[in-house]
Amino acid sequence: MTLNEKLANIQTRFKSKKSRYNSFGKYNFRSAEDILEATKPFLLELGVTVIVSEQIVSSDPFPIMESSAIISDGETNITATAMVGIDLDQKGMQMPQKFGSASSYGKKYALGNLFLIDDTQDADAANTHGKKTEAKSKIAKSTDAAYTKAVQYIQGGGKLEAIKQKYDLAPDVEVALQKL
């Protein structure tokens, strides 16, 4: 089994509970630790490792951290990244907390990108901040991050029907995905 097939296997079977609660926003969410915990059963089963790394890639006008989630089978690696700005003016936090908060956020989104955790199930996406939302997200154009994830999912062995259950597809997007 190739690393792409192993990753597709994880992406299609992956489940991570939302074990955290944001009392201010009144919603449940999953943390990077929740995602990593849900990943562990796949590691030995599929003979892969997952590593998360971080680095500061810019400091002007504020620090920007790049978090990378890497899956490897010992021969091949697949990497997904997330970029996070660090708010140095954040009130009520010491400097280590500011970096730690950004680190946790970046890890969570890098892992989410790697394992195709659907944005509609994500805490930040679920927090509507009082705005009405539609039941399904729309994938409408090739520049959309969800479209890129859908392409990767299908190329990794995923099924178009699974995508259609979670997303409303524009007709041209559905045709493009069928051709993969």
C-alpha atoms as a PDB file:
ATOM      1  CA  MET A   1       0.000   0.000   0.000  1.00  0.00           C
ATOM      2  CA  THR A   2       1.418   3.413  -0.965  1.00  0.00           C
ATOM      3  CA  LEU A   3       1.619   6.315   1.463  1.00  0.00           C
ATOM      4  CA  ASN A   4      -1.143   8.060  -0.506  1.00  0.00           C
ATOM      5  CA  GLU A   5      -3.367   5.006  -0.037  1.00  0.00           C
ATOM      6  CA  LYS A   6      -2.527   4.860   3.679  1.00  0.00           C
ATOM      7  CA  LEU A   7      -3.347   8.543   4.087  1.00  0.00           C
ATOM      8  CA  ALA A   8      -6.610   8.127   2.169  1.00  0.00           C
ATOM      9  CA  ASN A   9      -7.431   5.203   4.470  1.00  0.00           C
ATOM     10  CA  ILE A  10      -6.943   7.427   7.524  1.00  0.00           C
ATOM     11  CA  GLN A  11      -8.812  10.345   5.956  1.00  0.00           C
ATOM     12  CA  THR A  12     -11.881   8.233   5.229  1.00  0.00           C
ATOM     13  CA  ARG A  13     -11.957   6.422   8.596  1.00  0.00           C
ATOM     14  CA  PHE A  14     -10.787   9.251  10.855  1.00  0.00           C
ATOM     15  CA  LYS A  15     -13.041  10.273  13.752  1.00  0.00           C
ATOM     16  CA  SER A  16     -12.110  12.796  16.424  1.00  0.00           C
ATOM     17  CA  LYS A  17     -14.487  13.863  19.137  1.00  0.00           C
ATOM     18  CA  LYS A  18     -14.944  17.454  20.182  1.00  0.00           C
ATOM     19  CA  SER A  19     -13.907  17.063  23.799  1.00  0.00           C
ATOM     20  CA  ARG A  20     -13.350  20.749  24.575  1.00  0.00           C
ATOM     21  CA  TYR A  21     -15.933  23.434  25.318  1.00  0.00           C
ATOM     22  CA  ASN A  22     -15.637  27.156  24.671  1.00  0.00           C
ATOM     23  CA  SER A  23     -17.809  28.759  27.334  1.00  0.00           C
ATOM     24  CA  PHE A  24     -17.516  32.222  25.749  1.00  0.00           C
ATOM     25  CA  GLY A  25     -18.680  31.095  22.298  1.00  0.00           C
ATOM     26  CA  LYS A  26     -20.781  28.253  23.721  1.00  0.00           C
ATOM     27  CA  TYR A  27     -19.574  25.543  21.353  1.00  0.00           C
ATOM     28  CA  ASN A  28     -17.657  22.276  21.494  1.00  0.00           C
ATOM     29  CA  PHE A  29     -14.424  21.886  19.584  1.00  0.00           C
ATOM     30  CA  ARG A  30     -11.551  19.487  19.069  1.00  0.00           C
ATOM     31  CA  SER A  31      -7.969  20.357  19.943  1.00  0.00           C
ATOM     32  CA  ALA A  32      -4.719  19.307  18.295  1.00  0.00           C
ATOM     33  CA  GLU A  33      -4.348  16.807  21.134  1.00  0.00           C
ATOM     34  CA  ASP A  34      -7.784  15.322  20.316  1.00  0.00           C
ATOM     35  CA  ILE A  35      -6.764  14.930  16.668  1.00  0.00           C
ATOM     36  CA  LEU A  36      -3.441  13.308  17.568  1.00  0.00           C
ATOM     37  CA  GLU A  37      -5.150  10.924  19.988  1.00  0.00           C
ATOM     38  CA  ALA A  38      -7.605   9.851  17.270  1.00  0.00           C
ATOM     39  CA  THR A  39      -4.692   9.303  14.867  1.00  0.00           C
ATOM     40  CA  LYS A  40      -2.750   6.914  17.109  1.00  0.00           C
ATOM     41  CA  PRO A  41      -4.707   3.711  16.297  1.00  0.00           C
ATOM     42  CA  PHE A  42      -3.763   4.096  12.621  1.00  0.00           C
ATOM     43  CA  LEU A  43      -0.015   4.420  13.215  1.00  0.00           C
ATOM     44  CA  LEU A  44       0.860   0.789  13.928  1.00  0.00           C
ATOM     45  CA  GLU A  45      -1.970  -0.569  11.798  1.00  0.00           C
ATOM     46  CA  LEU A  46      -0.683   1.209   8.676  1.00  0.00           C
ATOM     47  CA  GLY A  47       3.008   1.505   9.556  1.00  0.00           C
ATOM     48  CA  VAL A  48       3.135   5.292   9.479  1.00  0.00           C
ATOM     49  CA  THR A  49       4.287   8.076  11.768  1.00  0.00           C
ATOM     50  CA  VAL A  50       2.897  11.574  12.198  1.00  0.00           C
ATOM     51  CA  ILE A  51       5.128  14.478  13.177  1.00  0.00           C
ATOM     52  CA  VAL A  52       4.149  18.085  13.812  1.00  0.00           C
ATOM     53  CA  SER A  53       6.809  20.771  13.487  1.00  0.00           C
ATOM     54  CA  GLU A  54       6.789  24.547  13.713  1.00  0.00           C
ATOM     55  CA  GLN A  55       8.941  27.446  12.739  1.00  0.00           C
ATOM     56  CA  ILE A  56       8.712  31.217  12.747  1.00  0.00           C
ATOM     57  CA  VAL A  57       8.758  32.282   9.090  1.00  0.00           C
ATOM     58  CA  SER A  58       8.384  36.039   9.522  1.00  0.00           C
ATOM     59  CA  SER A  59       8.624  38.572  12.304  1.00  0.00           C
ATOM     60  CA  ASP A  60       7.666  41.856  10.662  1.00  0.00           C
ATOM     61  CA  PRO A  61       5.175  43.374  11.366  1.00  0.00           C
ATOM     62  CA  PHE A  62       4.359  40.465  13.748  1.00  0.00           C
ATOM     63  CA  PRO A  63       5.547  36.872  14.115  1.00  0.00           C
ATOM     64  CA  ILE A  64       4.059  34.332  11.745  1.00  0.00           C
ATOM     65  CA  MET A  65       4.396  30.667  12.617  1.00  0.00           C
ATOM     66  CA  GLU A  66       4.205  27.871  10.072  1.00  0.00           C
ATOM     67  CA  SER A  67       2.971  24.569  11.476  1.00  0.00           C
ATOM     68  CA  SER A  68       3.561  21.429   9.439  1.00  0.00           C
ATOM     69  CA  ALA A  69       1.881  18.059   9.907  1.00  0.00           C
ATOM     70  CA  ILE A  70       3.879  15.288   8.257  1.00  0.00           C
ATOM     71  CA  ILE A  71       2.866  11.685   7.673  1.00  0.00           C
ATOM     72  CA  SER A  72       5.636   9.267   6.746  1.00  0.00           C
ATOM     73  CA  ASP A  73       5.990   5.579   6.007  1.00  0.00           C
ATOM     74  CA  GLY A  74       9.780   5.759   6.438  1.00  0.00           C
ATOM     75  CA  GLU A  75      10.379   6.260   2.734  1.00  0.00           C
ATOM     76  CA  THR A  76       7.900   8.906   1.632  1.00  0.00           C
ATOM     77  CA  ASN A  77       6.477  11.979   3.364  1.00  0.00           C
ATOM     78  CA  ILE A  78       3.313  13.967   2.799  1.00  0.00           C
ATOM     79  CA  THR A  79       3.131  17.398   4.430  1.00  0.00           C
ATOM     80  CA  ALA A  80       0.291  19.808   5.133  1.00  0.00           C
ATOM     81  CA  THR A  81       0.846  23.254   6.599  1.00  0.00           C
ATOM     82  CA  ALA A  82      -0.987  26.077   8.322  1.00  0.00           C
ATOM     83  CA  MET A  83       0.139  29.653   8.895  1.00  0.00           C
ATOM     84  CA  VAL A  84      -0.709  31.497  12.111  1.00  0.00           C
ATOM     85  CA  GLY A  85      -0.037  35.084  13.123  1.00  0.00           C
ATOM     86  CA  ILE A  86       0.955  35.706  16.728  1.00  0.00           C
ATOM     87  CA  ASP A  87      -0.831  38.654  18.330  1.00  0.00           C
ATOM     88  CA  LEU A  88       1.823  40.273  20.505  1.00  0.00           C
ATOM     89  CA  ASP A  89      -0.723  42.838  21.735  1.00  0.00           C
ATOM     90  CA  GLN A  90      -3.104  40.174  23.098  1.00  0.00           C
ATOM     91  CA  LYS A  91      -4.235  41.379  26.525  1.00  0.00           C
ATOM     92  CA  GLY A  92      -4.230  39.046  29.510  1.00  0.00           C
ATOM     93  CA  MET A  93      -1.565  36.659  28.213  1.00  0.00           C
ATOM     94  CA  GLN A  94       2.100  36.335  29.001  1.00  0.00           C
ATOM     95  CA  MET A  95       4.444  36.017  26.007  1.00  0.00           C
ATOM     96  CA  PRO A  96       4.785  32.197  26.300  1.00  0.00           C
ATOM     97  CA  GLN A  97       0.974  31.918  26.312  1.00  0.00           C
ATOM     98  CA  LYS A  98       0.731  34.020  23.153  1.00  0.00           C
ATOM     99  CA  PHE A  99       3.131  31.711  21.329  1.00  0.00           C
ATOM    100  CA  GLY A 100       1.576  28.591  22.869  1.00  0.00           C
ATOM    101  CA  SER A 101      -1.900  29.622  21.793  1.00  0.00           C
ATOM    102  CA  ALA A 102      -0.731  30.238  18.225  1.00  0.00           C
ATOM    103  CA  SER A 103       1.166  26.943  18.295  1.00  0.00           C
ATOM    104  CA  SER A 104      -1.933  24.982  19.340  1.00  0.00           C
ATOM    105  CA  TYR A 105      -4.039  26.693  16.693  1.00  0.00           C
ATOM    106  CA  GLY A 106      -1.463  26.083  13.941  1.00  0.00           C
ATOM    107  CA  LYS A 107      -1.031  22.409  14.876  1.00  0.00           C
ATOM    108  CA  LYS A 108      -4.779  21.880  14.859  1.00  0.00           C
ATOM    109  CA  TYR A 109      -5.174  23.341  11.384  1.00  0.00           C
ATOM    110  CA  ALA A 110      -2.110  21.638   9.904  1.00  0.00           C
ATOM    111  CA  LEU A 111      -3.435  18.298  11.174  1.00  0.00           C
ATOM    112  CA  GLY A 112      -6.906  19.193   9.908  1.00  0.00           C
ATOM    113  CA  ASN A 113      -5.445  19.906   6.482  1.00  0.00           C
ATOM    114  CA  LEU A 114      -3.526  16.616   6.462  1.00  0.00           C
ATOM    115  CA  PHE A 115      -6.451  14.451   7.567  1.00  0.00           C
ATOM    116  CA  LEU A 116      -9.144  16.403   5.666  1.00  0.00           C
ATOM    117  CA  ILE A 117     -11.119  17.260   8.758  1.00  0.00           C
ATOM    118  CA  ASP A 118     -14.190  18.896   7.283  1.00  0.00           C
ATOM    119  CA  ASP A 119     -14.441  22.611   8.065  1.00  0.00           C
ATOM    120  CA  THR A 120     -18.143  22.310   8.746  1.00  0.00           C
ATOM    121  CA  GLN A 121     -17.309  20.081  11.719  1.00  0.00           C
ATOM    122  CA  ASP A 122     -14.654  22.441  13.024  1.00  0.00           C
ATOM    123  CA  ALA A 123     -15.326  24.622  16.073  1.00  0.00           C
ATOM    124  CA  ASP A 124     -14.382  27.862  14.372  1.00  0.00           C
ATOM    125  CA  ALA A 125     -16.574  27.058  11.378  1.00  0.00           C
ATOM    126  CA  ALA A 126     -19.445  26.017  13.656  1.00  0.00           C
ATOM    127  CA  ASN A 127     -19.216  29.261  15.611  1.00  0.00           C
ATOM    128  CA  THR A 128     -21.461  31.477  13.484  1.00  0.00           C
ATOM    129  CA  HIS A 129     -21.060  34.548  15.707  1.00  0.00           C
ATOM    130  CA  GLY A 130     -24.809  35.118  15.390  1.00  0.00           C
ATOM    131  CA  LYS A 131     -24.938  34.825  11.597  1.00  0.00           C
ATOM    132  CA  LYS A 132     -27.193  32.352   9.786  1.00  0.00           C
ATOM    133  CA  THR A 133     -25.419  29.609   7.871  1.00  0.00           C
ATOM    134  CA  GLU A 134     -26.486  27.051   5.283  1.00  0.00           C
ATOM    135  CA  ALA A 135     -26.627  23.369   6.144  1.00  0.00           C
ATOM    136  CA  LYS A 136     -23.912  22.448   3.642  1.00  0.00           C
ATOM    137  CA  SER A 137     -20.785  24.277   2.595  1.00  0.00           C
ATOM    138  CA  LYS A 138     -20.418  24.956  -1.089  1.00  0.00           C
ATOM    139  CA  ILE A 139     -17.477  24.005  -3.250  1.00  0.00           C
ATOM    140  CA  ALA A 140     -17.678  26.395  -6.143  1.00  0.00           C
ATOM    141  CA  LYS A 141     -14.289  27.062  -7.698  1.00  0.00           C
ATOM    142  CA  SER A 142     -10.836  25.622  -8.101  1.00  0.00           C
ATOM    143  CA  THR A 143      -9.273  28.306  -5.881  1.00  0.00           C
ATOM    144  CA  ASP A 144     -11.404  27.182  -2.947  1.00  0.00           C
ATOM    145  CA  ALA A 145      -9.425  25.298  -0.262  1.00  0.00           C
ATOM    146  CA  ALA A 146     -12.286  22.799   0.020  1.00  0.00           C
ATOM    147  CA  TYR A 147     -11.944  22.043  -3.701  1.00  0.00           C
ATOM    148  CA  THR A 148      -8.238  21.314  -3.247  1.00  0.00           C
ATOM    149  CA  LYS A 149      -9.043  18.968  -0.363  1.00  0.00           C
ATOM    150  CA  ALA A 150     -11.710  17.258  -2.467  1.00  0.00           C
ATOM    151  CA  VAL A 151      -9.223  16.688  -5.306  1.00  0.00           C
ATOM    152  CA  GLN A 152      -6.660  15.235  -2.892  1.00  0.00           C
ATOM    153  CA  TYR A 153      -9.322  13.029  -1.323  1.00  0.00           C
ATOM    154  CA  ILE A 154     -10.412  11.565  -4.665  1.00  0.00           C
ATOM    155  CA  GLN A 155      -6.833  11.136  -5.874  1.00  0.00           C
ATOM    156  CA  GLY A 156      -6.146   9.240  -2.651  1.00  0.00           C
ATOM    157  CA  GLY A 157      -8.960   6.783  -3.376  1.00  0.00           C
ATOM    158  CA  GLY A 158     -11.917   8.634  -1.833  1.00  0.00           C
ATOM    159  CA  LYS A 159     -15.380   8.569  -3.387  1.00  0.00           C
ATOM    160  CA  LEU A 160     -17.226  11.511  -4.938  1.00  0.00           C
ATOM    161  CA  GLU A 161     -20.444  10.386  -3.242  1.00  0.00           C
ATOM    162  CA  ALA A 162     -18.849  10.950   0.191  1.00  0.00           C
ATOM    163  CA  ILE A 163     -17.980  14.516  -0.812  1.00  0.00           C
ATOM    164  CA  LYS A 164     -21.493  15.125  -2.139  1.00  0.00           C
ATOM    165  CA  GLN A 165     -22.939  14.084   1.220  1.00  0.00           C
ATOM    166  CA  LYS A 166     -21.053  16.916   2.931  1.00  0.00           C
ATOM    167  CA  TYR A 167     -20.946  19.601   0.234  1.00  0.00           C
ATOM    168  CA  ASP A 168     -23.149  21.206  -2.374  1.00  0.00           C
ATOM    169  CA  LEU A 169     -21.107  21.006  -5.565  1.00  0.00           C
ATOM    170  CA  ALA A 170     -21.341  23.475  -8.402  1.00  0.00           C
ATOM    171  CA  PRO A 171     -22.062  21.517 -11.610  1.00  0.00           C
ATOM    172  CA  ASP A 172     -18.678  22.323 -13.160  1.00  0.00           C
ATOM    173  CA  VAL A 173     -16.914  21.220  -9.974  1.00  0.00           C
ATOM    174  CA  GLU A 174     -18.785  17.912  -9.926  1.00  0.00           C
ATOM    175  CA  VAL A 175     -17.804  17.259 -13.559  1.00  0.00           C
ATOM    176  CA  ALA A 176     -14.167  18.126 -12.818  1.00  0.00           C
ATOM    177  CA  LEU A 177     -14.089  15.787  -9.815  1.00  0.00           C
ATOM    178  CA  GLN A 178     -15.706  12.969 -11.822  1.00  0.00           C
ATOM    179  CA  LYS A 179     -12.858  13.175 -14.336  1.00  0.00           C
ATOM    180  CA  LEU A 180     -10.176  12.525 -11.689  1.00  0.00           C
END
